[in-house]
């Protein structure tokens, strides 16, 4: 849960995707229609 109006949260992740369909990272989440995240993924470039 968010329990504070002002906070930091962090993590360290190891992830080796081979497709844009694979993603992993840190999320701020309310429900399936309301969330955001920063994540590792893959693209063609």
ModelCIF file with pLDDT and N, C-alpha, C, O atoms, coordinates in Angstrom:
data_MODEL
#
_entry.id   MODEL 
#
_entity.id                         1 
_entity.type                       polymer 
_entity.pdbx_number_of_molecules   1 
#
_entity_poly.entity_id                      1 
_entity_poly.type                           'polypeptide(L)' 
_entity_poly.nstd_linkage                   no 
_entity_poly.nstd_monomer                   no 
_entity_poly.pdbx_seq_one_letter_code       
;(UNK)(UNK)(UNK)(UNK)(UNK)(UNK)(UNK)(UNK)(UNK)(UNK)(UNK)(UNK)(UNK)(UNK)(UNK)(UNK)
(UNK)(UNK)(UNK)(UNK)(UNK)(UNK)(UNK)(UNK)(UNK)(UNK)(UNK)(UNK)(UNK)(UNK)(UNK)(UNK)
(UNK)(UNK)(UNK)(UNK)(UNK)(UNK)(UNK)(UNK)(UNK)(UNK)(UNK)(UNK)(UNK)
;
_entity_poly.pdbx_seq_one_letter_code_can   XXXXXXXXXXXXXXXXXXXXXXXXXXXXXXXXXXXXXXXXXXXXX 
_entity_poly.pdbx_strand_id                 A 
#
loop_
_entity_poly_seq.entity_id 
_entity_poly_seq.num 
_entity_poly_seq.mon_id 
_entity_poly_seq.hetero 
1 1  UNK n 
1 2  UNK n 
1 3  UNK n 
1 4  UNK n 
1 5  UNK n 
1 6  UNK n 
1 7  UNK n 
1 8  UNK n 
1 9  UNK n 
1 10 UNK n 
1 11 UNK n 
1 12 UNK n 
1 13 UNK n 
1 14 UNK n 
1 15 UNK n 
1 16 UNK n 
1 17 UNK n 
1 18 UNK n 
1 19 UNK n 
1 20 UNK n 
1 21 UNK n 
1 22 UNK n 
1 23 UNK n 
1 24 UNK n 
1 25 UNK n 
1 26 UNK n 
1 27 UNK n 
1 28 UNK n 
1 29 UNK n 
1 30 UNK n 
1 31 UNK n 
1 32 UNK n 
1 33 UNK n 
1 34 UNK n 
1 35 UNK n 
1 36 UNK n 
1 37 UNK n 
1 38 UNK n 
1 39 UNK n 
1 40 UNK n 
1 41 UNK n 
1 42 UNK n 
1 43 UNK n 
1 44 UNK n 
1 45 UNK n 
#
_struct_asym.id          A 
_struct_asym.entity_id   1 
#
loop_
_ma_qa_metric.id 
_ma_qa_metric.mode 
_ma_qa_metric.name 
_ma_qa_metric.software_group_id 
_ma_qa_metric.type 
1 global pLDDT . pLDDT 
2 local  pLDDT . pLDDT 
#
_ma_qa_metric_global.metric_id      1 
_ma_qa_metric_global.metric_value   98.02 
_ma_qa_metric_global.model_id       1 
_ma_qa_metric_global.ordinal_id     1 
#
loop_
_ma_qa_metric_local.label_asym_id 
_ma_qa_metric_local.label_comp_id 
_ma_qa_metric_local.label_seq_id 
_ma_qa_metric_local.metric_id 
_ma_qa_metric_local.metric_value 
_ma_qa_metric_local.model_id 
_ma_qa_metric_local.ordinal_id 
A UNK 1  2 98.00 1 1  
A UNK 2  2 98.00 1 2  
A UNK 3  2 98.00 1 3  
A UNK 4  2 98.00 1 4  
A UNK 5  2 98.00 1 5  
A UNK 6  2 98.00 1 6  
A UNK 7  2 98.00 1 7  
A UNK 8  2 98.00 1 8  
A UNK 9  2 98.00 1 9  
A UNK 10 2 98.00 1 10 
A UNK 11 2 98.00 1 11 
A UNK 12 2 98.00 1 12 
A UNK 13 2 98.00 1 13 
A UNK 14 2 98.00 1 14 
A UNK 15 2 98.00 1 15 
A UNK 16 2 98.00 1 16 
A UNK 17 2 98.00 1 17 
A UNK 18 2 97.00 1 18 
A UNK 19 2 98.00 1 19 
A UNK 20 2 98.00 1 20 
A UNK 21 2 98.00 1 21 
A UNK 22 2 98.00 1 22 
A UNK 23 2 98.00 1 23 
A UNK 24 2 99.00 1 24 
A UNK 25 2 99.00 1 25 
A UNK 26 2 99.00 1 26 
A UNK 27 2 99.00 1 27 
A UNK 28 2 99.00 1 28 
A UNK 29 2 98.00 1 29 
A UNK 30 2 98.00 1 30 
A UNK 31 2 98.00 1 31 
A UNK 32 2 97.00 1 32 
A UNK 33 2 97.00 1 33 
A UNK 34 2 98.00 1 34 
A UNK 35 2 98.00 1 35 
A UNK 36 2 98.00 1 36 
A UNK 37 2 98.00 1 37 
A UNK 38 2 99.00 1 38 
A UNK 39 2 99.00 1 39 
A UNK 40 2 98.00 1 40 
A UNK 41 2 98.00 1 41 
A UNK 42 2 98.00 1 42 
A UNK 43 2 98.00 1 43 
A UNK 44 2 97.00 1 44 
A UNK 45 2 96.00 1 45 
#
loop_
_atom_site.group_PDB 
_atom_site.id 
_atom_site.type_symbol 
_atom_site.label_atom_id 
_atom_site.label_alt_id 
_atom_site.label_comp_id 
_atom_site.label_asym_id 
_atom_site.label_entity_id 
_atom_site.label_seq_id 
_atom_site.pdbx_PDB_ins_code 
_atom_site.Cartn_x 
_atom_site.Cartn_y 
_atom_site.Cartn_z 
_atom_site.occupancy 
_atom_site.B_iso_or_equiv 
_atom_site.pdbx_formal_charge 
_atom_site.auth_seq_id 
_atom_site.auth_comp_id 
_atom_site.auth_asym_id 
_atom_site.auth_atom_id 
_atom_site.pdbx_PDB_model_num 
ATOM 1   N N  . UNK A 1 1  ? 0.812  -1.207  0.000   1.00 98.00 ? 1  UNK A N  1 
ATOM 2   C CA . UNK A 1 1  ? 0.000  0.000   0.000   1.00 98.00 ? 1  UNK A CA 1 
ATOM 3   C C  . UNK A 1 1  ? 0.857  1.274   0.000   1.00 98.00 ? 1  UNK A C  1 
ATOM 4   O O  . UNK A 1 1  ? 1.937  1.316   0.589   1.00 98.00 ? 1  UNK A O  1 
ATOM 5   N N  . UNK A 1 2  ? 0.343  2.314   -0.680  1.00 98.00 ? 2  UNK A N  1 
ATOM 6   C CA . UNK A 1 2  ? 0.814  3.663   -0.383  1.00 98.00 ? 2  UNK A CA 1 
ATOM 7   C C  . UNK A 1 2  ? 0.280  3.999   1.012   1.00 98.00 ? 2  UNK A C  1 
ATOM 8   O O  . UNK A 1 2  ? -0.926 3.924   1.245   1.00 98.00 ? 2  UNK A O  1 
ATOM 9   N N  . UNK A 1 3  ? 1.156  4.364   1.928   1.00 98.00 ? 3  UNK A N  1 
ATOM 10  C CA . UNK A 1 3  ? 0.709  4.795   3.253   1.00 98.00 ? 3  UNK A CA 1 
ATOM 11  C C  . UNK A 1 3  ? 1.108  6.229   3.552   1.00 98.00 ? 3  UNK A C  1 
ATOM 12  O O  . UNK A 1 3  ? 0.821  6.739   4.635   1.00 98.00 ? 3  UNK A O  1 
ATOM 13  N N  . UNK A 1 4  ? 1.764  6.882   2.609   1.00 98.00 ? 4  UNK A N  1 
ATOM 14  C CA . UNK A 1 4  ? 2.264  8.237   2.806   1.00 98.00 ? 4  UNK A CA 1 
ATOM 15  C C  . UNK A 1 4  ? 2.061  9.030   1.522   1.00 98.00 ? 4  UNK A C  1 
ATOM 16  O O  . UNK A 1 4  ? 2.159  8.491   0.420   1.00 98.00 ? 4  UNK A O  1 
ATOM 17  N N  . UNK A 1 5  ? 1.778  10.315  1.683   1.00 98.00 ? 5  UNK A N  1 
ATOM 18  C CA . UNK A 1 5  ? 1.655  11.164  0.505   1.00 98.00 ? 5  UNK A CA 1 
ATOM 19  C C  . UNK A 1 5  ? 3.009  11.382  -0.161  1.00 98.00 ? 5  UNK A C  1 
ATOM 20  O O  . UNK A 1 5  ? 3.083  11.576  -1.374  1.00 98.00 ? 5  UNK A O  1 
ATOM 21  N N  . UNK A 1 6  ? 4.087  11.351  0.634   1.00 98.00 ? 6  UNK A N  1 
ATOM 22  C CA . UNK A 1 6  ? 5.428  11.589  0.119   1.00 98.00 ? 6  UNK A CA 1 
ATOM 23  C C  . UNK A 1 6  ? 6.313  10.398  0.479   1.00 98.00 ? 6  UNK A C  1 
ATOM 24  O O  . UNK A 1 6  ? 6.563  10.135  1.655   1.00 98.00 ? 6  UNK A O  1 
ATOM 25  N N  . UNK A 1 7  ? 6.779  9.688   -0.531  1.00 98.00 ? 7  UNK A N  1 
ATOM 26  C CA . UNK A 1 7  ? 7.641  8.545   -0.289  1.00 98.00 ? 7  UNK A CA 1 
ATOM 27  C C  . UNK A 1 7  ? 8.495  8.267   -1.525  1.00 98.00 ? 7  UNK A C  1 
ATOM 28  O O  . UNK A 1 7  ? 8.200  8.722   -2.631  1.00 98.00 ? 7  UNK A O  1 
ATOM 29  N N  . UNK A 1 8  ? 9.559  7.507   -1.296  1.00 98.00 ? 8  UNK A N  1 
ATOM 30  C CA . UNK A 1 8  ? 10.369 6.942   -2.371  1.00 98.00 ? 8  UNK A CA 1 
ATOM 31  C C  . UNK A 1 8  ? 10.265 5.429   -2.303  1.00 98.00 ? 8  UNK A C  1 
ATOM 32  O O  . UNK A 1 8  ? 10.180 4.857   -1.216  1.00 98.00 ? 8  UNK A O  1 
ATOM 33  N N  . UNK A 1 9  ? 10.272 4.787   -3.445  1.00 98.00 ? 9  UNK A N  1 
ATOM 34  C CA . UNK A 1 9  ? 10.341 3.325   -3.500  1.00 98.00 ? 9  UNK A CA 1 
ATOM 35  C C  . UNK A 1 9  ? 11.299 2.946   -4.616  1.00 98.00 ? 9  UNK A C  1 
ATOM 36  O O  . UNK A 1 9  ? 11.303 3.561   -5.683  1.00 98.00 ? 9  UNK A O  1 
ATOM 37  N N  . UNK A 1 10 ? 12.112 1.927   -4.359  1.00 98.00 ? 10 UNK A N  1 
ATOM 38  C CA . UNK A 1 10 ? 13.090 1.553   -5.385  1.00 98.00 ? 10 UNK A CA 1 
ATOM 39  C C  . UNK A 1 10 ? 13.357 0.058   -5.358  1.00 98.00 ? 10 UNK A C  1 
ATOM 40  O O  . UNK A 1 10 ? 13.038 -0.646  -4.400  1.00 98.00 ? 10 UNK A O  1 
ATOM 41  N N  . UNK A 1 11 ? 13.958 -0.396  -6.455  1.00 98.00 ? 11 UNK A N  1 
ATOM 42  C CA . UNK A 1 11 ? 14.305 -1.804  -6.581  1.00 98.00 ? 11 UNK A CA 1 
ATOM 43  C C  . UNK A 1 11 ? 15.481 -1.948  -7.548  1.00 98.00 ? 11 UNK A C  1 
ATOM 44  O O  . UNK A 1 11 ? 15.871 -1.005  -8.237  1.00 98.00 ? 11 UNK A O  1 
ATOM 45  N N  . UNK A 1 12 ? 16.021 -3.149  -7.570  1.00 98.00 ? 12 UNK A N  1 
ATOM 46  C CA . UNK A 1 12 ? 17.122 -3.519  -8.465  1.00 98.00 ? 12 UNK A CA 1 
ATOM 47  C C  . UNK A 1 12 ? 16.705 -4.811  -9.163  1.00 98.00 ? 12 UNK A C  1 
ATOM 48  O O  . UNK A 1 12 ? 16.385 -5.796  -8.499  1.00 98.00 ? 12 UNK A O  1 
ATOM 49  N N  . UNK A 1 13 ? 16.705 -4.814  -10.493 1.00 98.00 ? 13 UNK A N  1 
ATOM 50  C CA . UNK A 1 13 ? 16.133 -5.944  -11.224 1.00 98.00 ? 13 UNK A CA 1 
ATOM 51  C C  . UNK A 1 13 ? 17.079 -6.442  -12.312 1.00 98.00 ? 13 UNK A C  1 
ATOM 52  O O  . UNK A 1 13 ? 17.784 -5.676  -12.970 1.00 98.00 ? 13 UNK A O  1 
ATOM 53  N N  . UNK A 1 14 ? 17.056 -7.763  -12.466 1.00 98.00 ? 14 UNK A N  1 
ATOM 54  C CA . UNK A 1 14 ? 17.786 -8.435  -13.547 1.00 98.00 ? 14 UNK A CA 1 
ATOM 55  C C  . UNK A 1 14 ? 16.762 -9.096  -14.452 1.00 98.00 ? 14 UNK A C  1 
ATOM 56  O O  . UNK A 1 14 ? 15.956 -9.913  -14.006 1.00 98.00 ? 14 UNK A O  1 
ATOM 57  N N  . UNK A 1 15 ? 16.803 -8.728  -15.747 1.00 98.00 ? 15 UNK A N  1 
ATOM 58  C CA . UNK A 1 15 ? 15.768 -9.213  -16.666 1.00 98.00 ? 15 UNK A CA 1 
ATOM 59  C C  . UNK A 1 15 ? 16.344 -9.182  -18.079 1.00 98.00 ? 15 UNK A C  1 
ATOM 60  O O  . UNK A 1 15 ? 16.977 -8.201  -18.471 1.00 98.00 ? 15 UNK A O  1 
ATOM 61  N N  . UNK A 1 16 ? 16.129 -10.237 -18.835 1.00 98.00 ? 16 UNK A N  1 
ATOM 62  C CA . UNK A 1 16 ? 16.722 -10.342 -20.171 1.00 98.00 ? 16 UNK A CA 1 
ATOM 63  C C  . UNK A 1 16 ? 15.642 -10.701 -21.193 1.00 98.00 ? 16 UNK A C  1 
ATOM 64  O O  . UNK A 1 16 ? 15.552 -11.853 -21.616 1.00 98.00 ? 16 UNK A O  1 
ATOM 65  N N  . UNK A 1 17 ? 14.821 -9.724  -21.592 1.00 98.00 ? 17 UNK A N  1 
ATOM 66  C CA . UNK A 1 17 ? 13.734 -10.005 -22.530 1.00 98.00 ? 17 UNK A CA 1 
ATOM 67  C C  . UNK A 1 17 ? 14.236 -10.174 -23.953 1.00 98.00 ? 17 UNK A C  1 
ATOM 68  O O  . UNK A 1 17 ? 15.261 -9.610  -24.334 1.00 98.00 ? 17 UNK A O  1 
ATOM 69  N N  . UNK A 1 18 ? 13.516 -10.944 -24.720 1.00 97.00 ? 18 UNK A N  1 
ATOM 70  C CA . UNK A 1 18 ? 13.826 -11.144 -26.138 1.00 97.00 ? 18 UNK A CA 1 
ATOM 71  C C  . UNK A 1 18 ? 12.683 -10.671 -27.038 1.00 97.00 ? 18 UNK A C  1 
ATOM 72  O O  . UNK A 1 18 ? 12.738 -10.822 -28.258 1.00 97.00 ? 18 UNK A O  1 
ATOM 73  N N  . UNK A 1 19 ? 11.655 -10.102 -26.426 1.00 98.00 ? 19 UNK A N  1 
ATOM 74  C CA . UNK A 1 19 ? 10.477 -9.653  -27.158 1.00 98.00 ? 19 UNK A CA 1 
ATOM 75  C C  . UNK A 1 19 ? 9.839  -8.487  -26.415 1.00 98.00 ? 19 UNK A C  1 
ATOM 76  O O  . UNK A 1 19 ? 9.954  -8.384  -25.194 1.00 98.00 ? 19 UNK A O  1 
ATOM 77  N N  . UNK A 1 20 ? 9.168  -7.611  -27.153 1.00 98.00 ? 20 UNK A N  1 
ATOM 78  C CA . UNK A 1 20 ? 8.427  -6.510  -26.532 1.00 98.00 ? 20 UNK A CA 1 
ATOM 79  C C  . UNK A 1 20 ? 7.250  -7.010  -25.700 1.00 98.00 ? 20 UNK A C  1 
ATOM 80  O O  . UNK A 1 20 ? 6.663  -6.249  -24.931 1.00 98.00 ? 20 UNK A O  1 
ATOM 81  N N  . UNK A 1 21 ? 6.905  -8.289  -25.852 1.00 98.00 ? 21 UNK A N  1 
ATOM 82  C CA . UNK A 1 21 ? 5.809  -8.860  -25.059 1.00 98.00 ? 21 UNK A CA 1 
ATOM 83  C C  . UNK A 1 21 ? 6.251  -9.228  -23.641 1.00 98.00 ? 21 UNK A C  1 
ATOM 84  O O  . UNK A 1 21 ? 5.432  -9.650  -22.824 1.00 98.00 ? 21 UNK A O  1 
ATOM 85  N N  . UNK A 1 22 ? 7.550  -9.068  -23.347 1.00 98.00 ? 22 UNK A N  1 
ATOM 86  C CA . UNK A 1 22 ? 8.088  -9.347  -22.016 1.00 98.00 ? 22 UNK A CA 1 
ATOM 87  C C  . UNK A 1 22 ? 8.509  -8.032  -21.371 1.00 98.00 ? 22 UNK A C  1 
ATOM 88  O O  . UNK A 1 22 ? 9.195  -7.223  -21.996 1.00 98.00 ? 22 UNK A O  1 
ATOM 89  N N  . UNK A 1 23 ? 8.098  -7.814  -20.112 1.00 98.00 ? 23 UNK A N  1 
ATOM 90  C CA . UNK A 1 23 ? 8.339  -6.560  -19.398 1.00 98.00 ? 23 UNK A CA 1 
ATOM 91  C C  . UNK A 1 23 ? 8.493  -6.867  -17.914 1.00 98.00 ? 23 UNK A C  1 
ATOM 92  O O  . UNK A 1 23 ? 7.851  -7.788  -17.410 1.00 98.00 ? 23 UNK A O  1 
ATOM 93  N N  . UNK A 1 24 ? 9.337  -6.110  -17.201 1.00 99.00 ? 24 UNK A N  1 
ATOM 94  C CA . UNK A 1 24 ? 9.483  -6.279  -15.757 1.00 99.00 ? 24 UNK A CA 1 
ATOM 95  C C  . UNK A 1 24 ? 10.001 -4.993  -15.149 1.00 99.00 ? 24 UNK A C  1 
ATOM 96  O O  . UNK A 1 24 ? 10.901 -4.356  -15.697 1.00 99.00 ? 24 UNK A O  1 
ATOM 97  N N  . UNK A 1 25 ? 9.421  -4.603  -13.989 1.00 99.00 ? 25 UNK A N  1 
ATOM 98  C CA . UNK A 1 25 ? 9.887  -3.379  -13.358 1.00 99.00 ? 25 UNK A CA 1 
ATOM 99  C C  . UNK A 1 25 ? 9.088  -2.990  -12.140 1.00 99.00 ? 25 UNK A C  1 
ATOM 100 O O  . UNK A 1 25 ? 8.545  -3.832  -11.424 1.00 99.00 ? 25 UNK A O  1 
ATOM 101 N N  . UNK A 1 26 ? 9.029  -1.672  -11.922 1.00 99.00 ? 26 UNK A N  1 
ATOM 102 C CA . UNK A 1 26 ? 8.444  -1.067  -10.719 1.00 99.00 ? 26 UNK A CA 1 
ATOM 103 C C  . UNK A 1 26 ? 7.158  -0.357  -11.112 1.00 99.00 ? 26 UNK A C  1 
ATOM 104 O O  . UNK A 1 26 ? 7.141  0.427   -12.061 1.00 99.00 ? 26 UNK A O  1 
ATOM 105 N N  . UNK A 1 27 ? 6.074  -0.633  -10.377 1.00 99.00 ? 27 UNK A N  1 
ATOM 106 C CA . UNK A 1 27 ? 4.772  -0.086  -10.748 1.00 99.00 ? 27 UNK A CA 1 
ATOM 107 C C  . UNK A 1 27 ? 4.099  0.663   -9.608  1.00 99.00 ? 27 UNK A C  1 
ATOM 108 O O  . UNK A 1 27 ? 4.235  0.291   -8.442  1.00 99.00 ? 27 UNK A O  1 
ATOM 109 N N  . UNK A 1 28 ? 3.372  1.718   -9.951  1.00 99.00 ? 28 UNK A N  1 
ATOM 110 C CA . UNK A 1 28 ? 2.380  2.340   -9.076  1.00 99.00 ? 28 UNK A CA 1 
ATOM 111 C C  . UNK A 1 28 ? 1.024  1.942   -9.642  1.00 99.00 ? 28 UNK A C  1 
ATOM 112 O O  . UNK A 1 28 ? 0.717  2.220   -10.802 1.00 99.00 ? 28 UNK A O  1 
ATOM 113 N N  . UNK A 1 29 ? 0.215  1.289   -8.810  1.00 98.00 ? 29 UNK A N  1 
ATOM 114 C CA . UNK A 1 29 ? -0.926 0.531   -9.338  1.00 98.00 ? 29 UNK A CA 1 
ATOM 115 C C  . UNK A 1 29 ? -2.175 0.775   -8.493  1.00 98.00 ? 29 UNK A C  1 
ATOM 116 O O  . UNK A 1 29 ? -2.124 0.699   -7.265  1.00 98.00 ? 29 UNK A O  1 
ATOM 117 N N  . UNK A 1 30 ? -3.284 1.066   -9.149  1.00 98.00 ? 30 UNK A N  1 
ATOM 118 C CA . UNK A 1 30 ? -4.593 1.101   -8.474  1.00 98.00 ? 30 UNK A CA 1 
ATOM 119 C C  . UNK A 1 30 ? -5.418 -0.113  -8.890  1.00 98.00 ? 30 UNK A C  1 
ATOM 120 O O  . UNK A 1 30 ? -5.805 -0.930  -8.055  1.00 98.00 ? 30 UNK A O  1 
ATOM 121 N N  . UNK A 1 31 ? -5.681 -0.219  -10.182 1.00 98.00 ? 31 UNK A N  1 
ATOM 122 C CA . UNK A 1 31 ? -6.345 -1.415  -10.709 1.00 98.00 ? 31 UNK A CA 1 
ATOM 123 C C  . UNK A 1 31 ? -5.948 -1.594  -12.172 1.00 98.00 ? 31 UNK A C  1 
ATOM 124 O O  . UNK A 1 31 ? -5.075 -0.892  -12.683 1.00 98.00 ? 31 UNK A O  1 
ATOM 125 N N  . UNK A 1 32 ? -6.601 -2.539  -12.831 1.00 97.00 ? 32 UNK A N  1 
ATOM 126 C CA . UNK A 1 32 ? -6.186 -2.903  -14.185 1.00 97.00 ? 32 UNK A CA 1 
ATOM 127 C C  . UNK A 1 32 ? -6.345 -1.776  -15.189 1.00 97.00 ? 32 UNK A C  1 
ATOM 128 O O  . UNK A 1 32 ? -5.729 -1.813  -16.255 1.00 97.00 ? 32 UNK A O  1 
ATOM 129 N N  . UNK A 1 33 ? -7.157 -0.776  -14.874 1.00 97.00 ? 33 UNK A N  1 
ATOM 130 C CA . UNK A 1 33 ? -7.340 0.341   -15.800 1.00 97.00 ? 33 UNK A CA 1 
ATOM 131 C C  . UNK A 1 33 ? -6.591 1.600   -15.374 1.00 97.00 ? 33 UNK A C  1 
ATOM 132 O O  . UNK A 1 33 ? -6.573 2.590   -16.106 1.00 97.00 ? 33 UNK A O  1 
ATOM 133 N N  . UNK A 1 34 ? -5.976 1.567   -14.199 1.00 98.00 ? 34 UNK A N  1 
ATOM 134 C CA . UNK A 1 34 ? -5.327 2.763   -13.665 1.00 98.00 ? 34 UNK A CA 1 
ATOM 135 C C  . UNK A 1 34 ? -4.002 2.364   -13.009 1.00 98.00 ? 34 UNK A C  1 
ATOM 136 O O  . UNK A 1 34 ? -3.978 1.921   -11.861 1.00 98.00 ? 34 UNK A O  1 
ATOM 137 N N  . UNK A 1 35 ? -2.910 2.527   -13.746 1.00 98.00 ? 35 UNK A N  1 
ATOM 138 C CA . UNK A 1 35 ? -1.592 2.218   -13.208 1.00 98.00 ? 35 UNK A CA 1 
ATOM 139 C C  . UNK A 1 35 ? -0.536 2.853   -14.107 1.00 98.00 ? 35 UNK A C  1 
ATOM 140 O O  . UNK A 1 35 ? -0.836 3.336   -15.198 1.00 98.00 ? 35 UNK A O  1 
ATOM 141 N N  . UNK A 1 36 ? 0.700  2.841   -13.626 1.00 98.00 ? 36 UNK A N  1 
ATOM 142 C CA . UNK A 1 36 ? 1.844  3.212   -14.457 1.00 98.00 ? 36 UNK A CA 1 
ATOM 143 C C  . UNK A 1 36 ? 3.019  2.367   -14.007 1.00 98.00 ? 36 UNK A C  1 
ATOM 144 O O  . UNK A 1 36 ? 2.984  1.751   -12.941 1.00 98.00 ? 36 UNK A O  1 
ATOM 145 N N  . UNK A 1 37 ? 4.068  2.342   -14.835 1.00 98.00 ? 37 UNK A N  1 
ATOM 146 C CA . UNK A 1 37 ? 5.276  1.633   -14.411 1.00 98.00 ? 37 UNK A CA 1 
ATOM 147 C C  . UNK A 1 37 ? 6.470  2.011   -15.257 1.00 98.00 ? 37 UNK A C  1 
ATOM 148 O O  . UNK A 1 37 ? 6.340  2.490   -16.383 1.00 98.00 ? 37 UNK A O  1 
ATOM 149 N N  . UNK A 1 38 ? 7.652  1.778   -14.677 1.00 99.00 ? 38 UNK A N  1 
ATOM 150 C CA . UNK A 1 38 ? 8.921  1.859   -15.386 1.00 99.00 ? 38 UNK A CA 1 
ATOM 151 C C  . UNK A 1 38 ? 9.451  0.435   -15.461 1.00 99.00 ? 38 UNK A C  1 
ATOM 152 O O  . UNK A 1 38 ? 9.437  -0.289  -14.465 1.00 99.00 ? 38 UNK A O  1 
ATOM 153 N N  . UNK A 1 39 ? 9.924  0.028   -16.651 1.00 99.00 ? 39 UNK A N  1 
ATOM 154 C CA . UNK A 1 39 ? 10.216 -1.389  -16.818 1.00 99.00 ? 39 UNK A CA 1 
ATOM 155 C C  . UNK A 1 39 ? 11.255 -1.625  -17.909 1.00 99.00 ? 39 UNK A C  1 
ATOM 156 O O  . UNK A 1 39 ? 11.477 -0.793  -18.789 1.00 99.00 ? 39 UNK A O  1 
ATOM 157 N N  . UNK A 1 40 ? 11.876 -2.786  -17.811 1.00 98.00 ? 40 UNK A N  1 
ATOM 158 C CA . UNK A 1 40 ? 12.753 -3.283  -18.868 1.00 98.00 ? 40 UNK A CA 1 
ATOM 159 C C  . UNK A 1 40 ? 11.911 -4.038  -19.881 1.00 98.00 ? 40 UNK A C  1 
ATOM 160 O O  . UNK A 1 40 ? 11.057 -4.842  -19.507 1.00 98.00 ? 40 UNK A O  1 
ATOM 161 N N  . UNK A 1 41 ? 12.144 -3.786  -21.147 1.00 98.00 ? 41 UNK A N  1 
ATOM 162 C CA . UNK A 1 41 ? 11.503 -4.547  -22.204 1.00 98.00 ? 41 UNK A CA 1 
ATOM 163 C C  . UNK A 1 41 ? 12.486 -4.634  -23.383 1.00 98.00 ? 41 UNK A C  1 
ATOM 164 O O  . UNK A 1 41 ? 13.690 -4.468  -23.187 1.00 98.00 ? 41 UNK A O  1 
ATOM 165 N N  . UNK A 1 42 ? 12.007 -4.885  -24.563 1.00 98.00 ? 42 UNK A N  1 
ATOM 166 C CA . UNK A 1 42 ? 12.846 -5.068  -25.756 1.00 98.00 ? 42 UNK A CA 1 
ATOM 167 C C  . UNK A 1 42 ? 12.182 -4.350  -26.925 1.00 98.00 ? 42 UNK A C  1 
ATOM 168 O O  . UNK A 1 42 ? 10.956 -4.333  -27.041 1.00 98.00 ? 42 UNK A O  1 
ATOM 169 N N  . UNK A 1 43 ? 12.996 -3.764  -27.781 1.00 98.00 ? 43 UNK A N  1 
ATOM 170 C CA . UNK A 1 43 ? 12.435 -3.280  -29.047 1.00 98.00 ? 43 UNK A CA 1 
ATOM 171 C C  . UNK A 1 43 ? 13.390 -3.580  -30.199 1.00 98.00 ? 43 UNK A C  1 
ATOM 172 O O  . UNK A 1 43 ? 14.533 -3.984  -29.988 1.00 98.00 ? 43 UNK A O  1 
ATOM 173 N N  . UNK A 1 44 ? 12.906 -3.378  -31.398 1.00 97.00 ? 44 UNK A N  1 
ATOM 174 C CA . UNK A 1 44 ? 13.647 -3.769  -32.592 1.00 97.00 ? 44 UNK A CA 1 
ATOM 175 C C  . UNK A 1 44 ? 14.861 -2.885  -32.839 1.00 97.00 ? 44 UNK A C  1 
ATOM 176 O O  . UNK A 1 44 ? 15.778 -3.297  -33.549 1.00 97.00 ? 44 UNK A O  1 
ATOM 177 N N  . UNK A 1 45 ? 14.895 -1.686  -32.277 1.00 96.00 ? 45 UNK A N  1 
ATOM 178 C CA . UNK A 1 45 ? 15.984 -0.754  -32.528 1.00 96.00 ? 45 UNK A CA 1 
ATOM 179 C C  . UNK A 1 45 ? 17.209 -1.031  -31.675 1.00 96.00 ? 45 UNK A C  1 
ATOM 180 O O  . UNK A 1 45 ? 18.209 -0.320  -31.781 1.00 96.00 ? 45 UNK A O  1 
#
